[in-house]
Protein backbone atom coordinates (compact mmCIF):
# COMPACT_ATOMS: atom_id res chain seq x y z
CA MET A 1 0.09 -0.04 0.12
CA ALA A 2 3.00 2.44 0.77
CA GLY A 3 4.39 1.73 -2.71
CA PHE A 4 1.49 2.49 -4.13
CA TRP A 5 0.93 6.34 -2.58
CA ALA A 6 4.67 6.76 -3.64
CA ASP A 7 4.51 5.38 -7.33
CA ASN A 8 1.54 7.48 -7.60
CA SER A 9 2.09 10.58 -5.38
CA ASP A 10 1.44 13.11 -8.83
CA VAL A 11 -2.36 11.88 -8.95
CA VAL A 12 -2.84 11.68 -5.41
CA ALA A 13 -1.83 15.57 -4.75
CA ALA A 14 -4.04 16.40 -8.01
CA VAL A 15 -6.84 14.65 -6.36
CA LEU A 16 -6.49 16.40 -3.11
CA SER A 17 -6.20 20.25 -4.81
CA ILE A 18 -9.00 19.72 -7.01
CA VAL A 19 -10.97 18.40 -3.86
CA LEU A 20 -9.85 20.60 -1.56
CA ALA A 21 -10.27 23.68 -4.41
CA LEU A 22 -13.99 22.15 -4.64
CA LEU A 23 -14.42 21.77 -0.86
CA VAL A 24 -13.60 25.69 -0.38
CA ALA A 25 -14.99 27.30 -3.34
CA THR A 26 -18.66 25.55 -1.99
CA VAL A 27 -18.24 26.73 1.58
CA LEU A 28 -17.24 30.31 0.36
CA ASP A 29 -20.59 30.32 -2.13
CA ARG A 30 -22.60 29.12 0.48
CA TYR A 31 -21.63 31.36 2.77
CA PHE A 32 -21.65 34.40 0.64
CA ALA A 33 -24.96 33.05 -0.51
CA ARG A 34 -26.27 33.14 2.96
CA ARG A 35 -24.78 36.16 4.51
CA GLY A 36 -23.83 38.33 1.45
CA HIS A 37 -27.59 39.65 1.53
CA ARG A 38 -27.44 40.55 5.08
CA LEU A 39 -24.01 41.77 5.51
CA ALA A 40 -24.64 44.18 2.39
CA ALA A 41 -28.05 44.91 3.81
CA ALA A 42 -26.14 46.42 7.23
CA VAL A 43 -23.75 48.52 5.57
CA THR A 44 -26.22 50.02 3.35
CA ARG A 45 -28.65 49.93 6.40
CA GLY A 46 -32.00 49.13 4.51
CA GLU A 47 -32.78 46.64 1.67
CA VAL A 48 -30.13 45.26 -0.42
CA SER A 49 -31.04 47.10 -4.15
CA PRO A 50 -31.09 45.10 -7.55
CA VAL A 51 -28.37 46.79 -8.32
CA LEU A 52 -25.75 45.50 -5.51
CA ASP A 53 -28.69 42.04 -5.26
CA THR A 54 -26.89 41.42 -9.16
CA ARG A 55 -23.40 42.22 -8.67
CA LEU A 56 -23.25 40.26 -5.37
CA ARG A 57 -24.44 37.30 -7.07
CA PHE A 58 -22.24 37.50 -9.85
CA LEU A 59 -19.24 37.99 -7.88
CA ARG A 60 -20.24 34.59 -5.97
CA ARG A 61 -19.66 32.55 -9.47
CA LEU A 62 -16.50 34.79 -10.05
CA ILE A 63 -15.02 34.02 -7.05
CA TYR A 64 -16.14 30.12 -7.29
CA ALA A 65 -15.45 29.86 -10.69
CA SER A 66 -11.59 31.61 -9.49
CA ILE A 67 -11.42 29.24 -7.10
CA LEU A 68 -11.63 26.17 -9.61
CA LEU A 69 -9.50 27.31 -11.97
CA LEU A 70 -6.75 28.03 -9.13
CA GLY A 71 -7.39 24.43 -7.63
CA ILE A 72 -6.78 22.49 -11.28
CA ALA A 73 -3.34 24.62 -12.32
CA ILE A 74 -2.37 23.12 -9.09
CA ALA A 75 -3.26 20.15 -10.13
CA ALA A 76 -1.85 20.35 -13.02
CA SER A 77 1.11 21.30 -11.92
CA GLN A 78 1.61 18.22 -9.78
CA PHE A 79 2.77 16.28 -13.34
CA THR A 80 6.23 16.55 -14.33
CA GLY A 81 5.00 15.71 -17.90
CA VAL A 82 2.37 18.34 -17.62
CA SER A 83 4.94 21.17 -16.38
CA LYS A 84 7.47 20.27 -18.85
CA LEU A 85 4.71 20.14 -21.83
CA ALA A 86 3.84 23.66 -20.34
CA ALA A 87 7.16 25.17 -20.73
CA SER A 88 7.73 24.21 -23.95
CA ILE A 89 4.29 25.53 -25.06
CA LEU A 90 4.76 28.71 -22.89
CA ALA A 91 7.91 28.90 -25.19
CA SER A 92 6.00 29.92 -27.80
CA GLY A 93 3.55 32.64 -26.43
CA ALA A 94 1.92 34.01 -30.00
CA LEU A 95 1.05 30.04 -31.15
CA ALA A 96 -0.06 29.64 -26.90
CA ALA A 97 -2.13 32.82 -27.19
CA ALA A 98 -3.87 31.71 -30.65
CA ILE A 99 -4.90 28.20 -29.76
CA ILE A 100 -6.09 29.00 -26.15
CA GLY A 101 -8.00 32.12 -27.68
CA PHE A 102 -9.63 30.18 -30.43
CA ALA A 103 -10.87 27.63 -28.18
CA ALA A 104 -12.11 29.38 -25.60
CA ARG A 105 -13.28 32.52 -26.90
CA GLN A 106 -16.86 32.02 -26.69
CA THR A 107 -16.36 31.18 -23.14
CA LEU A 108 -14.47 34.02 -22.19
CA ALA A 109 -16.72 35.95 -24.54
CA ASN A 110 -19.52 35.47 -22.26
CA VAL A 111 -17.54 35.84 -18.88
CA VAL A 112 -16.15 39.85 -20.18
CA ALA A 113 -19.99 40.40 -21.03
CA GLY A 114 -21.00 39.27 -17.84
CA ILE A 115 -18.68 41.31 -16.19
CA MET A 116 -19.84 44.40 -18.54
CA LEU A 117 -22.99 43.94 -16.91
CA ALA A 118 -22.54 43.28 -13.65
CA ILE A 119 -20.55 46.70 -13.80
CA THR A 120 -22.71 48.83 -15.76
CA GLN A 121 -26.27 47.47 -14.54
CA PRO A 122 -28.33 47.24 -18.05
CA LEU A 123 -30.35 44.72 -16.42
CA ARG A 124 -30.45 43.83 -12.59
CA VAL A 125 -31.76 40.63 -11.17
CA GLY A 126 -35.69 41.17 -10.85
CA ASP A 127 -36.34 43.73 -13.83
CA TRP A 128 -38.94 42.95 -16.37
CA VAL A 129 -37.02 43.26 -19.96
CA THR A 130 -37.57 42.43 -23.55
CA PHE A 131 -35.38 40.87 -25.61
CA GLU A 132 -35.37 39.48 -29.01
CA GLU A 133 -39.16 39.14 -28.54
CA HIS A 134 -38.89 37.24 -25.66
CA TYR A 135 -40.50 39.35 -22.65
CA GLY A 136 -39.97 38.25 -19.07
CA VAL A 137 -38.31 39.12 -15.40
CA VAL A 138 -34.76 38.63 -14.65
CA GLU A 139 -34.28 35.52 -12.90
CA ASP A 140 -30.07 35.49 -12.66
CA VAL A 141 -27.25 37.14 -13.88
CA ARG A 142 -24.23 34.21 -14.05
CA LEU A 143 -20.93 34.45 -15.52
CA THR A 144 -21.63 32.73 -19.24
CA TYR A 145 -25.55 32.99 -19.19
CA THR A 146 -28.41 35.21 -18.31
CA PHE A 147 -31.65 33.74 -16.85
CA LEU A 148 -34.95 35.02 -17.73
CA ARG A 149 -38.36 34.05 -16.55
CA THR A 150 -41.34 34.32 -19.08
CA SER A 151 -44.63 35.14 -17.52
CA SER A 152 -45.66 31.69 -18.59
CA ASP A 153 -43.02 30.47 -16.24
CA GLN A 154 -40.47 29.24 -18.90
CA ARG A 155 -36.81 30.05 -18.99
CA VAL A 156 -35.09 31.89 -21.39
CA VAL A 157 -31.40 31.46 -21.92
CA ILE A 158 -29.19 34.16 -23.18
CA PRO A 159 -25.80 33.80 -23.72
CA ASN A 160 -24.03 37.11 -21.91
CA GLU A 161 -22.16 38.10 -25.24
CA ARG A 162 -25.72 38.41 -27.29
CA LEU A 163 -27.30 40.49 -24.21
CA ALA A 164 -24.16 42.94 -24.25
CA ALA A 165 -24.22 43.66 -27.51
CA GLY A 166 -28.02 43.57 -28.46
CA ILE A 167 -31.19 45.89 -28.63
CA LEU A 168 -32.90 45.62 -24.70
CA ARG A 169 -36.02 46.88 -23.57
CA ASN A 170 -35.91 47.10 -19.54
CA ASP A 171 -39.36 48.10 -17.90
CA THR A 172 -38.47 48.68 -14.34
CA LEU A 173 -34.85 50.08 -15.12
CA GLY A 174 -36.03 53.95 -14.43
CA SER A 175 -39.45 53.32 -13.20
CA GLU A 176 -41.62 50.56 -11.12
CA LEU A 177 -44.60 50.86 -13.72
CA ILE A 178 -44.76 51.12 -17.40
CA GLY A 179 -47.54 52.17 -19.60
CA LEU A 180 -49.91 50.18 -21.73
CA ASP A 181 -49.38 50.23 -25.46
CA ILE A 182 -51.21 47.97 -28.20
CA SER A 183 -51.99 48.08 -31.64
CA VAL A 184 -55.61 47.77 -33.28
CA TRP A 185 -55.67 47.26 -37.24
CA LEU A 186 -58.76 48.63 -40.00
CA PRO A 187 -59.39 47.98 -43.45
CA PRO A 188 -57.86 50.01 -45.81
CA ALA A 189 -61.68 51.75 -46.71
CA ALA A 190 -62.96 51.78 -42.91
CA ASP A 191 -63.74 55.23 -41.29
CA THR A 192 -60.68 56.26 -39.90
CA GLU A 193 -61.86 59.39 -37.60
CA ARG A 194 -64.96 57.52 -36.04
CA ALA A 195 -62.71 54.24 -35.12
CA LEU A 196 -60.69 57.11 -33.52
CA SER A 197 -63.32 58.43 -31.75
CA ALA A 198 -64.80 55.22 -30.72
CA LEU A 199 -61.84 53.99 -28.82
CA ARG A 200 -61.00 56.85 -27.30
CA GLU A 201 -64.58 56.33 -26.19
CA GLU A 202 -64.04 53.36 -25.14
CA THR A 203 -60.83 53.86 -23.25
CA GLY A 204 -60.74 57.13 -22.30
CA SER A 205 -56.68 57.16 -23.42
CA GLU A 206 -55.01 58.29 -26.23
CA VAL A 207 -55.57 56.90 -29.87
CA SER A 208 -53.28 58.09 -33.29
CA VAL A 209 -52.85 56.19 -36.47
CA ALA A 210 -49.55 54.47 -36.09
CA GLU A 211 -48.64 53.36 -40.17
CA ILE A 212 -50.81 53.29 -43.17
CA THR A 213 -50.65 50.56 -45.41
CA PRO A 214 -52.05 49.40 -48.26
CA ASP A 215 -53.32 46.27 -46.25
CA GLY A 216 -55.03 49.33 -43.76
CA VAL A 217 -54.58 51.15 -41.04
CA ARG A 218 -52.89 50.79 -38.08
CA LEU A 219 -54.06 52.32 -34.96
CA THR A 220 -52.28 52.68 -31.99
CA VAL A 221 -53.94 52.77 -27.93
CA GLY A 222 -52.29 53.82 -24.94
CA GLY A 223 -52.95 52.68 -21.52
CA ASP A 224 -52.72 53.80 -17.97
CA PRO A 225 -49.36 52.59 -16.28
CA VAL A 226 -48.97 49.43 -14.44
CA PRO A 227 -46.62 46.68 -12.66
CA PRO A 228 -44.90 44.96 -15.52
CA PRO A 229 -45.96 41.36 -14.03
CA GLN A 230 -49.59 43.09 -15.17
CA LYS A 231 -48.30 44.22 -18.55
CA GLY A 232 -49.31 41.19 -20.58
CA PRO A 233 -52.63 40.98 -19.09
CA ARG A 234 -53.82 43.84 -19.45
CA GLN A 235 -52.75 44.53 -22.78
CA ALA A 236 -54.58 41.39 -23.96
CA GLU A 237 -57.82 42.87 -21.68
CA LEU A 238 -57.59 46.31 -23.61
CA ARG A 239 -56.56 44.83 -27.19
CA ALA A 240 -59.77 42.59 -26.36
CA ARG A 241 -61.91 46.03 -25.93
CA CYS A 242 -60.68 48.07 -28.54
CA LEU A 243 -61.60 45.11 -31.29
CA GLU A 244 -64.92 44.13 -29.49
CA ARG A 245 -65.51 48.08 -29.81
CA LEU A 246 -64.83 48.33 -33.53
CA ARG A 247 -66.44 45.30 -34.64
CA THR A 248 -69.48 46.33 -32.42
CA GLU A 249 -69.36 49.57 -34.76
CA GLY A 250 -69.07 47.78 -37.78
CA LEU A 251 -65.47 49.02 -38.99
CA LEU A 252 -63.46 45.49 -39.05
CA GLU A 253 -65.34 44.00 -41.97
CA GLY A 254 -62.94 42.46 -44.53
CA ASN A 255 -59.94 42.93 -42.52
CA PRO A 256 -57.72 39.82 -42.46
CA ALA A 257 -55.48 41.23 -39.69
CA SER A 258 -58.21 41.91 -36.82
């Protein structure tokens, strides 16, 4: 048995390094998860803001990943052959950088984008956002991906690189309420002025002509501000009321878009 440990000392040391790194990372992650919010609330003398909550979550995962990478690096250094191979590769720095950069480009880009998102805060945990036709609440911002929970309780997983480079609409960044805004279509020959008057009477809100095409006229109808979670249901209700009023007025005959 003693001979086995002596002959495989490199393997044992590498395994112990990885296990120790995993243990330390897990303990620290759980500690920050349990105590981080309390410490932050004590420092700020109040509740943890969405901005701080997002940064705390990201910092936890960054520390976790850094400790694991350090453990893996220490484990790899235990093998003499690996050390020699690493030295020979590092002798050609440009080639090593090119190979590593190409292999890990997507992952590194997502991590860098995640750091940018955590610093600039275009979205925070708890914000209601729209990204590429997906609308929902930001559930978590991780090192490489951001999780969005839709109103139907589905999860949309977005790479941080695409999120940082794309166009994002945040309904809660500046205010806790968002105004309703829907569209309804009229046939080309419909009486637009009559439709505008009927919808203003029905909703008590501003109604305007947004677009005129050979297929019809698009009207936009506003509504009172509501909390973001109520946006979808309230817009659906407002749209149904408008269509019903237009149908009652006889303004939708021959309109395929409705």
